[in-house]
N, C-alpha and C. Protein backbone atom coordinates (compact mmCIF):
# COMPACT_ATOMS: atom_id res chain seq x y z
N MET A 1 -138.34 -199.63 -25.55
CA MET A 1 -139.60 -199.89 -26.43
C MET A 1 -139.97 -201.22 -25.53
N LYS A 2 -141.11 -201.60 -25.01
CA LYS A 2 -141.61 -202.50 -24.77
C LYS A 2 -142.32 -203.57 -25.64
N CYS A 3 -142.14 -204.68 -25.48
CA CYS A 3 -142.70 -205.37 -26.56
C CYS A 3 -143.78 -206.32 -25.58
N TYR A 4 -144.72 -206.74 -26.17
CA TYR A 4 -145.86 -207.79 -25.69
C TYR A 4 -145.78 -209.02 -26.22
N GLU A 5 -145.99 -210.20 -25.05
CA GLU A 5 -146.31 -211.59 -25.90
C GLU A 5 -147.62 -211.98 -25.32
N LEU A 6 -148.28 -212.77 -26.45
CA LEU A 6 -149.81 -213.37 -26.06
C LEU A 6 -149.62 -214.97 -26.52
N VAL A 7 -149.77 -215.71 -26.31
CA VAL A 7 -150.17 -216.93 -26.60
C VAL A 7 -151.51 -217.40 -26.91
N MET A 8 -151.85 -217.60 -28.40
CA MET A 8 -153.38 -217.80 -28.72
C MET A 8 -153.59 -219.25 -28.88
N HIS A 9 -154.51 -219.84 -28.51
CA HIS A 9 -154.92 -221.34 -28.22
C HIS A 9 -155.75 -221.50 -29.69
N SER A 10 -156.13 -220.79 -30.63
CA SER A 10 -156.70 -221.24 -31.74
C SER A 10 -156.95 -220.07 -32.74
N ALA A 11 -157.20 -220.33 -33.99
CA ALA A 11 -157.36 -219.37 -35.09
C ALA A 11 -158.19 -218.30 -34.76
N GLU A 12 -159.62 -218.91 -34.23
CA GLU A 12 -160.55 -218.11 -33.72
C GLU A 12 -160.17 -216.91 -32.54
N GLU A 13 -159.26 -217.29 -31.52
CA GLU A 13 -158.73 -216.62 -30.45
C GLU A 13 -157.96 -215.48 -31.26
N THR A 14 -156.96 -216.03 -32.20
CA THR A 14 -156.20 -215.04 -32.79
C THR A 14 -157.18 -213.82 -33.82
N MET A 15 -158.12 -214.38 -34.47
CA MET A 15 -159.12 -213.22 -35.01
C MET A 15 -159.52 -212.40 -34.05
N GLU A 16 -160.20 -213.09 -32.93
CA GLU A 16 -160.84 -212.01 -31.83
C GLU A 16 -159.63 -210.90 -31.32
N PHE A 17 -158.71 -211.17 -31.02
CA PHE A 17 -157.71 -210.34 -30.94
C PHE A 17 -157.55 -209.51 -31.70
N ALA A 18 -157.22 -209.52 -32.95
CA ALA A 18 -157.04 -208.58 -34.38
C ALA A 18 -158.39 -207.73 -34.15
N ALA A 19 -159.52 -208.41 -34.33
CA ALA A 19 -160.73 -207.61 -34.36
C ALA A 19 -160.91 -206.31 -32.94
N ARG A 20 -160.26 -206.94 -31.99
CA ARG A 20 -160.41 -205.56 -30.79
C ARG A 20 -159.26 -204.97 -31.11
N LEU A 21 -158.23 -205.42 -31.71
CA LEU A 21 -156.93 -204.20 -31.82
C LEU A 21 -157.59 -203.29 -33.14
N ALA A 22 -158.37 -203.90 -34.16
CA ALA A 22 -158.77 -203.18 -35.40
C ALA A 22 -159.78 -202.29 -35.07
N GLU A 23 -160.60 -202.27 -33.63
CA GLU A 23 -161.50 -201.45 -33.10
C GLU A 23 -160.78 -200.21 -32.85
N LYS A 24 -159.62 -200.06 -32.42
CA LYS A 24 -158.74 -198.93 -31.78
C LYS A 24 -157.96 -198.30 -33.30
N LEU A 25 -158.01 -198.77 -34.44
CA LEU A 25 -157.11 -198.39 -35.36
C LEU A 25 -157.71 -197.02 -36.07
N LYS A 26 -156.97 -196.25 -36.53
CA LYS A 26 -157.40 -195.13 -37.37
C LYS A 26 -156.68 -194.89 -38.76
N GLU A 27 -156.98 -194.29 -39.49
CA GLU A 27 -156.28 -194.01 -40.86
C GLU A 27 -154.64 -193.79 -40.79
N LYS A 28 -154.00 -194.21 -41.94
CA LYS A 28 -152.49 -193.97 -41.70
C LYS A 28 -151.83 -195.19 -40.91
N ASP A 29 -152.59 -195.83 -40.15
CA ASP A 29 -151.88 -196.83 -39.48
C ASP A 29 -151.27 -198.18 -40.19
N VAL A 30 -149.98 -198.52 -39.65
CA VAL A 30 -149.33 -199.52 -40.46
C VAL A 30 -149.18 -200.68 -39.79
N ILE A 31 -149.44 -201.87 -39.87
CA ILE A 31 -149.18 -202.96 -39.24
C ILE A 31 -148.16 -203.94 -39.95
N ALA A 32 -146.84 -204.01 -39.63
CA ALA A 32 -146.13 -205.25 -40.22
C ALA A 32 -146.08 -206.47 -39.48
N LEU A 33 -146.68 -207.22 -40.33
CA LEU A 33 -146.75 -208.93 -40.03
C LEU A 33 -145.41 -209.84 -40.43
N GLU A 34 -145.09 -210.35 -39.60
CA GLU A 34 -143.98 -211.23 -39.83
C GLU A 34 -144.10 -212.53 -38.99
N GLY A 35 -143.13 -213.49 -39.19
CA GLY A 35 -143.76 -214.63 -38.62
C GLY A 35 -143.47 -215.82 -39.68
N ASP A 36 -143.62 -217.10 -38.77
CA ASP A 36 -143.14 -218.34 -39.58
C ASP A 36 -144.28 -218.48 -40.66
N LEU A 37 -143.91 -219.31 -41.71
CA LEU A 37 -144.97 -219.48 -42.82
C LEU A 37 -146.06 -220.48 -42.09
N GLY A 38 -147.36 -220.19 -42.24
CA GLY A 38 -148.64 -221.03 -41.80
C GLY A 38 -148.75 -220.49 -40.57
N ALA A 39 -148.06 -219.39 -39.91
CA ALA A 39 -148.29 -219.15 -38.27
C ALA A 39 -149.62 -218.47 -38.36
N GLY A 40 -150.33 -217.87 -39.28
CA GLY A 40 -151.43 -216.88 -39.15
C GLY A 40 -151.43 -215.71 -39.22
N LYS A 41 -150.57 -215.15 -40.16
CA LYS A 41 -150.39 -213.95 -40.70
C LYS A 41 -151.84 -213.40 -41.50
N THR A 42 -152.42 -214.16 -42.34
CA THR A 42 -153.46 -214.07 -43.06
C THR A 42 -154.79 -214.13 -41.96
N THR A 43 -154.77 -215.15 -41.34
CA THR A 43 -155.67 -215.17 -40.24
C THR A 43 -155.72 -213.85 -39.34
N PHE A 44 -154.42 -213.41 -38.81
CA PHE A 44 -154.59 -212.14 -38.11
C PHE A 44 -155.49 -211.00 -39.07
N THR A 45 -155.19 -210.83 -40.25
CA THR A 45 -155.71 -209.92 -41.06
C THR A 45 -157.19 -210.20 -41.09
N LYS A 46 -157.81 -211.45 -41.42
CA LYS A 46 -159.11 -211.46 -41.10
C LYS A 46 -159.71 -210.86 -40.23
N GLY A 47 -159.01 -211.33 -38.90
CA GLY A 47 -159.58 -210.51 -37.99
C GLY A 47 -159.70 -209.12 -37.59
N LEU A 48 -158.64 -208.35 -38.49
CA LEU A 48 -158.35 -206.95 -38.12
C LEU A 48 -159.67 -206.64 -39.32
N ALA A 49 -159.89 -207.52 -40.56
CA ALA A 49 -160.98 -207.14 -41.40
C ALA A 49 -162.28 -207.19 -41.02
N LYS A 50 -162.61 -208.04 -39.89
CA LYS A 50 -163.72 -208.37 -39.25
C LYS A 50 -164.00 -207.07 -38.02
N GLY A 51 -163.15 -206.84 -37.68
CA GLY A 51 -163.20 -205.55 -36.50
C GLY A 51 -163.26 -204.06 -37.03
N LEU A 52 -162.85 -204.14 -38.54
CA LEU A 52 -163.23 -202.95 -39.25
C LEU A 52 -164.43 -202.78 -39.82
N GLY A 53 -165.43 -203.87 -39.72
CA GLY A 53 -166.80 -204.01 -40.53
C GLY A 53 -166.72 -204.38 -41.67
N ILE A 54 -165.56 -205.26 -42.20
CA ILE A 54 -165.46 -205.70 -43.49
C ILE A 54 -166.26 -206.93 -43.92
N GLU A 55 -166.79 -207.17 -44.92
CA GLU A 55 -167.36 -208.38 -44.57
C GLU A 55 -167.11 -209.20 -45.99
N ARG A 56 -166.67 -209.04 -46.77
CA ARG A 56 -165.77 -209.69 -47.50
C ARG A 56 -164.67 -210.97 -47.48
N THR A 57 -164.69 -211.83 -48.14
CA THR A 57 -163.98 -212.67 -47.81
C THR A 57 -162.32 -212.34 -47.96
N ILE A 58 -161.49 -212.59 -46.96
CA ILE A 58 -160.19 -212.09 -46.82
C ILE A 58 -159.45 -213.07 -47.27
N SER A 59 -157.93 -213.07 -48.09
CA SER A 59 -157.29 -214.17 -48.72
C SER A 59 -156.03 -213.62 -48.71
N SER A 60 -155.00 -214.07 -48.64
CA SER A 60 -153.76 -213.42 -49.17
C SER A 60 -153.47 -212.99 -50.26
N PRO A 61 -152.83 -211.82 -50.48
CA PRO A 61 -152.45 -211.21 -51.91
C PRO A 61 -151.35 -211.75 -52.56
N THR A 62 -151.06 -212.38 -52.21
CA THR A 62 -149.41 -213.36 -52.63
C THR A 62 -149.13 -212.74 -54.09
N PHE A 63 -150.15 -213.00 -55.02
CA PHE A 63 -149.86 -212.76 -56.40
C PHE A 63 -150.12 -211.36 -56.81
N THR A 64 -151.47 -210.55 -56.18
CA THR A 64 -151.31 -209.45 -56.56
C THR A 64 -150.92 -208.21 -55.94
N ILE A 65 -150.19 -208.53 -54.94
CA ILE A 65 -149.44 -207.68 -54.12
C ILE A 65 -150.10 -207.07 -53.14
N VAL A 66 -151.13 -206.27 -53.27
CA VAL A 66 -152.23 -205.56 -52.47
C VAL A 66 -153.73 -205.77 -52.83
N LYS A 67 -154.40 -206.27 -51.92
CA LYS A 67 -155.77 -206.25 -51.93
C LYS A 67 -156.28 -205.00 -51.31
N GLU A 68 -157.52 -204.43 -51.76
CA GLU A 68 -157.95 -203.54 -51.02
C GLU A 68 -159.45 -203.98 -50.42
N TYR A 69 -159.93 -203.51 -49.16
CA TYR A 69 -161.20 -203.62 -48.80
C TYR A 69 -162.03 -202.79 -48.13
N LYS A 70 -163.20 -202.38 -48.16
CA LYS A 70 -163.81 -201.17 -47.63
C LYS A 70 -164.73 -201.76 -46.60
N GLY A 71 -164.37 -201.00 -45.40
CA GLY A 71 -165.15 -201.30 -44.23
C GLY A 71 -165.28 -199.69 -43.46
N ARG A 72 -165.16 -199.82 -42.24
CA ARG A 72 -165.03 -198.50 -41.31
C ARG A 72 -164.13 -197.63 -42.16
N LEU A 73 -162.66 -198.29 -42.11
CA LEU A 73 -161.78 -197.83 -42.70
C LEU A 73 -161.28 -198.57 -44.04
N PRO A 74 -160.82 -197.96 -45.00
CA PRO A 74 -160.42 -199.28 -45.91
C PRO A 74 -159.21 -199.72 -45.39
N LEU A 75 -159.13 -201.25 -45.85
CA LEU A 75 -157.98 -201.88 -45.26
C LEU A 75 -156.93 -202.12 -46.63
N TYR A 76 -155.75 -202.19 -46.50
CA TYR A 76 -155.02 -202.26 -47.67
C TYR A 76 -153.75 -203.14 -47.08
N HIS A 77 -154.00 -204.75 -47.70
CA HIS A 77 -153.49 -206.07 -47.25
C HIS A 77 -152.60 -206.31 -48.29
N MET A 78 -151.26 -206.07 -47.83
CA MET A 78 -149.89 -206.47 -49.05
C MET A 78 -149.40 -207.72 -48.29
N ASP A 79 -149.11 -208.19 -49.27
CA ASP A 79 -148.24 -209.49 -49.13
C ASP A 79 -147.04 -209.21 -50.18
N VAL A 80 -145.65 -208.95 -49.31
CA VAL A 80 -144.60 -208.71 -50.19
C VAL A 80 -143.55 -209.74 -50.36
N TYR A 81 -144.12 -211.28 -50.09
CA TYR A 81 -143.04 -212.18 -49.93
C TYR A 81 -142.43 -212.37 -51.38
N ARG A 82 -143.14 -212.07 -52.52
CA ARG A 82 -142.60 -212.55 -53.59
C ARG A 82 -141.60 -211.17 -54.60
N LEU A 83 -141.73 -210.39 -54.01
CA LEU A 83 -140.76 -209.19 -54.08
C LEU A 83 -139.31 -208.94 -54.10
N GLU A 84 -138.45 -208.63 -55.06
CA GLU A 84 -137.24 -208.52 -54.76
C GLU A 84 -136.89 -207.16 -54.70
N ASP A 85 -136.44 -206.59 -55.85
CA ASP A 85 -135.76 -205.17 -55.68
C ASP A 85 -136.59 -204.48 -56.49
N THR A 86 -137.73 -204.88 -56.95
CA THR A 86 -138.96 -203.83 -57.71
C THR A 86 -139.72 -202.99 -56.82
N PHE A 87 -139.92 -203.28 -55.39
CA PHE A 87 -140.51 -202.39 -54.73
C PHE A 87 -140.70 -200.95 -54.72
N GLU A 88 -139.56 -200.34 -55.34
CA GLU A 88 -139.21 -198.79 -55.35
C GLU A 88 -140.30 -198.19 -56.12
N ASP A 89 -140.64 -199.04 -57.12
CA ASP A 89 -141.68 -198.47 -58.07
C ASP A 89 -143.12 -198.83 -58.20
N LEU A 90 -143.12 -199.16 -56.72
CA LEU A 90 -144.92 -199.68 -56.55
C LEU A 90 -145.43 -198.72 -55.87
N GLY A 91 -145.25 -197.62 -55.16
CA GLY A 91 -145.97 -196.51 -54.52
C GLY A 91 -146.47 -197.13 -53.05
N PHE A 92 -145.95 -197.67 -52.46
CA PHE A 92 -146.25 -197.90 -51.13
C PHE A 92 -146.55 -196.92 -50.06
N ASP A 93 -145.89 -195.79 -50.31
CA ASP A 93 -146.08 -194.71 -49.62
C ASP A 93 -147.46 -194.23 -49.56
N GLU A 94 -147.96 -194.14 -50.96
CA GLU A 94 -149.48 -194.00 -51.11
C GLU A 94 -150.26 -194.56 -50.05
N TYR A 95 -149.94 -195.76 -49.80
CA TYR A 95 -151.01 -196.38 -49.23
C TYR A 95 -150.62 -195.91 -47.68
N PHE A 96 -149.50 -196.08 -47.37
CA PHE A 96 -148.98 -195.89 -45.94
C PHE A 96 -149.74 -194.43 -45.40
N ASP A 97 -149.78 -193.56 -46.26
CA ASP A 97 -150.15 -192.17 -46.07
C ASP A 97 -151.62 -191.74 -46.48
N GLY A 98 -152.35 -193.06 -46.69
CA GLY A 98 -153.78 -192.85 -47.29
C GLY A 98 -154.64 -192.87 -46.31
N ASP A 99 -155.98 -192.99 -46.51
CA ASP A 99 -157.01 -192.90 -45.75
C ASP A 99 -157.58 -194.05 -44.95
N GLY A 100 -156.56 -194.97 -45.22
CA GLY A 100 -157.34 -196.55 -44.56
C GLY A 100 -155.68 -197.12 -43.54
N VAL A 101 -156.19 -198.31 -43.23
CA VAL A 101 -155.11 -199.19 -42.36
C VAL A 101 -154.27 -200.06 -43.43
N THR A 102 -153.26 -199.98 -43.24
CA THR A 102 -152.10 -200.83 -44.01
C THR A 102 -151.64 -202.05 -43.58
N VAL A 103 -152.00 -203.23 -43.90
CA VAL A 103 -150.93 -204.28 -42.95
C VAL A 103 -150.23 -205.15 -44.11
N VAL A 104 -148.95 -205.20 -43.98
CA VAL A 104 -147.89 -205.52 -44.82
C VAL A 104 -147.42 -207.04 -44.24
N GLU A 105 -148.13 -208.06 -45.09
CA GLU A 105 -147.16 -209.35 -44.94
C GLU A 105 -145.44 -209.40 -45.04
N TRP A 106 -144.83 -209.79 -44.43
CA TRP A 106 -143.27 -210.26 -44.93
C TRP A 106 -142.58 -208.66 -44.89
N ALA A 107 -143.09 -207.59 -44.09
CA ALA A 107 -142.73 -206.16 -44.16
C ALA A 107 -141.29 -206.10 -44.10
N HIS A 108 -140.34 -206.87 -43.49
CA HIS A 108 -139.11 -206.91 -43.68
C HIS A 108 -138.46 -206.58 -45.27
N LEU A 109 -139.34 -207.35 -45.78
CA LEU A 109 -138.71 -207.29 -47.48
C LEU A 109 -138.59 -206.09 -48.07
N ILE A 110 -139.64 -205.00 -47.18
CA ILE A 110 -139.67 -203.65 -48.02
C ILE A 110 -139.07 -202.68 -46.85
N GLN A 111 -138.31 -203.22 -46.02
CA GLN A 111 -138.00 -202.13 -45.13
C GLN A 111 -137.40 -200.80 -44.99
N PRO A 112 -137.01 -200.50 -46.19
CA PRO A 112 -136.69 -198.83 -46.30
C PRO A 112 -137.69 -198.20 -47.01
N GLN A 113 -138.76 -198.85 -47.12
CA GLN A 113 -139.76 -197.99 -47.87
C GLN A 113 -141.01 -198.13 -46.49
N LEU A 114 -140.78 -198.60 -45.19
CA LEU A 114 -142.02 -198.79 -44.47
C LEU A 114 -141.93 -197.17 -43.45
N PRO A 115 -142.76 -196.55 -43.02
CA PRO A 115 -142.96 -195.47 -42.42
C PRO A 115 -141.98 -195.82 -41.27
N ASP A 116 -141.70 -194.51 -40.59
CA ASP A 116 -140.90 -194.86 -39.31
C ASP A 116 -141.52 -195.28 -37.97
N GLU A 117 -142.78 -195.02 -37.87
CA GLU A 117 -143.55 -195.57 -36.75
C GLU A 117 -144.82 -196.36 -37.40
N LEU A 118 -144.64 -197.80 -36.71
CA LEU A 118 -145.75 -198.76 -36.90
C LEU A 118 -145.69 -199.74 -35.92
N LEU A 119 -146.46 -200.57 -36.19
CA LEU A 119 -146.98 -201.76 -35.43
C LEU A 119 -146.30 -203.02 -35.99
N TYR A 120 -145.47 -203.75 -35.29
CA TYR A 120 -145.19 -204.82 -35.64
C TYR A 120 -145.66 -206.07 -34.99
N ILE A 121 -146.14 -207.14 -35.48
CA ILE A 121 -146.90 -208.12 -34.92
C ILE A 121 -146.00 -209.26 -35.65
N HIS A 122 -145.47 -210.25 -34.79
CA HIS A 122 -144.87 -211.47 -35.14
C HIS A 122 -145.39 -212.61 -34.73
N LEU A 123 -145.88 -213.55 -35.78
CA LEU A 123 -146.80 -214.71 -35.44
C LEU A 123 -145.76 -215.93 -35.48
N TYR A 124 -145.70 -216.87 -34.41
CA TYR A 124 -144.75 -217.78 -34.35
C TYR A 124 -145.42 -219.47 -34.11
N HIS A 125 -144.99 -220.33 -34.40
CA HIS A 125 -145.89 -221.90 -34.42
C HIS A 125 -145.42 -221.80 -32.69
N HIS A 126 -146.12 -222.36 -31.75
CA HIS A 126 -146.09 -222.46 -30.47
C HIS A 126 -146.97 -223.58 -30.28
N GLY A 127 -146.21 -225.22 -30.20
CA GLY A 127 -146.86 -225.93 -29.96
C GLY A 127 -147.64 -226.55 -31.33
N GLU A 128 -148.62 -227.39 -30.89
CA GLU A 128 -149.34 -228.14 -32.20
C GLU A 128 -150.19 -227.17 -32.54
N SER A 129 -150.99 -226.35 -31.91
CA SER A 129 -151.79 -225.41 -32.44
C SER A 129 -152.26 -224.63 -31.95
N GLU A 130 -151.10 -223.86 -30.94
CA GLU A 130 -150.94 -222.60 -30.53
C GLU A 130 -150.18 -221.55 -31.48
N ARG A 131 -150.21 -220.45 -30.98
CA ARG A 131 -149.51 -219.65 -31.86
C ARG A 131 -149.30 -218.64 -30.76
N LYS A 132 -147.67 -218.20 -30.68
CA LYS A 132 -146.92 -216.97 -29.74
C LYS A 132 -147.31 -215.78 -30.89
N ILE A 133 -147.66 -214.58 -30.38
CA ILE A 133 -147.92 -213.45 -30.84
C ILE A 133 -146.64 -212.32 -30.02
N VAL A 134 -145.87 -211.95 -30.78
CA VAL A 134 -145.26 -210.67 -30.09
C VAL A 134 -145.31 -209.38 -30.89
N ILE A 135 -145.82 -208.63 -30.10
CA ILE A 135 -146.13 -207.08 -30.39
C ILE A 135 -145.38 -206.29 -30.02
N GLU A 136 -144.79 -205.59 -31.37
CA GLU A 136 -143.60 -204.42 -30.94
C GLU A 136 -144.03 -203.34 -31.54
N PRO A 137 -144.35 -202.30 -30.73
CA PRO A 137 -144.55 -201.02 -31.02
C PRO A 137 -143.25 -199.95 -31.24
N VAL A 138 -143.59 -199.16 -32.50
CA VAL A 138 -142.43 -198.33 -32.77
C VAL A 138 -143.08 -196.85 -33.06
N GLY A 139 -142.92 -196.21 -32.26
CA GLY A 139 -143.61 -194.87 -32.08
C GLY A 139 -144.65 -194.51 -31.04
N LYS A 140 -144.89 -193.26 -30.51
CA LYS A 140 -145.61 -192.86 -29.36
C LYS A 140 -147.31 -193.53 -30.07
N ARG A 141 -147.62 -193.48 -30.95
CA ARG A 141 -148.91 -193.75 -31.23
C ARG A 141 -149.03 -195.22 -30.90
N TYR A 142 -148.30 -196.27 -31.50
CA TYR A 142 -148.42 -197.58 -31.34
C TYR A 142 -147.99 -198.01 -30.04
N GLU A 143 -147.14 -197.36 -28.93
CA GLU A 143 -147.02 -197.77 -27.69
C GLU A 143 -148.40 -197.36 -26.68
N GLN A 144 -149.05 -196.57 -27.29
CA GLN A 144 -150.20 -196.33 -26.60
C GLN A 144 -151.13 -197.08 -27.04
N LEU A 145 -151.54 -197.16 -28.28
CA LEU A 145 -152.13 -198.39 -28.79
C LEU A 145 -152.12 -199.87 -27.88
N CYS A 146 -150.81 -200.07 -27.63
CA CYS A 146 -150.67 -201.15 -27.01
C CYS A 146 -150.95 -201.44 -25.53
N LYS A 147 -150.59 -200.14 -25.05
CA LYS A 147 -150.99 -200.18 -23.81
C LYS A 147 -152.55 -200.26 -23.48
N GLU A 148 -153.53 -199.60 -24.59
CA GLU A 148 -155.18 -199.68 -24.47
C GLU A 148 -155.61 -201.14 -24.92
N ILE A 149 -154.82 -201.79 -25.64
CA ILE A 149 -155.48 -203.08 -26.07
C ILE A 149 -154.94 -204.14 -24.94
N MET A 150 -153.74 -204.04 -24.27
CA MET A 150 -153.25 -205.13 -23.57
C MET A 150 -153.97 -204.60 -22.16
N GLU A 151 -154.20 -203.63 -21.81
CA GLU A 151 -155.07 -203.50 -20.74
C GLU A 151 -156.32 -203.78 -20.52
N ALA A 152 -156.85 -203.56 -21.82
CA ALA A 152 -158.71 -204.07 -21.95
C ALA A 152 -158.83 -205.38 -21.34
């Protein structure tokens, strides 16, 4: 499986890349966001929302676990950072199998609940204001999606 690496020079550039990705997303797509604290996971999600035509302000669902937004496709934005072993009863599969796009910040914390195929986006601090993004597709759908996005 091929990984892709990008360096973003600003939050705006990160959002623009995420918006381009969002244009290619379909219902049931799952994006697992991982990386450093403050590296831009919520900023990335804001870009996805923009690309999905969502006009509401996007904020991290740290204390609510899931926020839902309406756009071209519904966006289910999850932040599972504060979960421990309670995730089994929260019905994440209903979102993963739903009619929208699901973004999970700190996805490794619910690894057993994640679908077999998904797109990992890892964000890391890279210098003073830059961010390194590592994109890891898992499954044919996401491998094809990455080819389309990276060749555009």
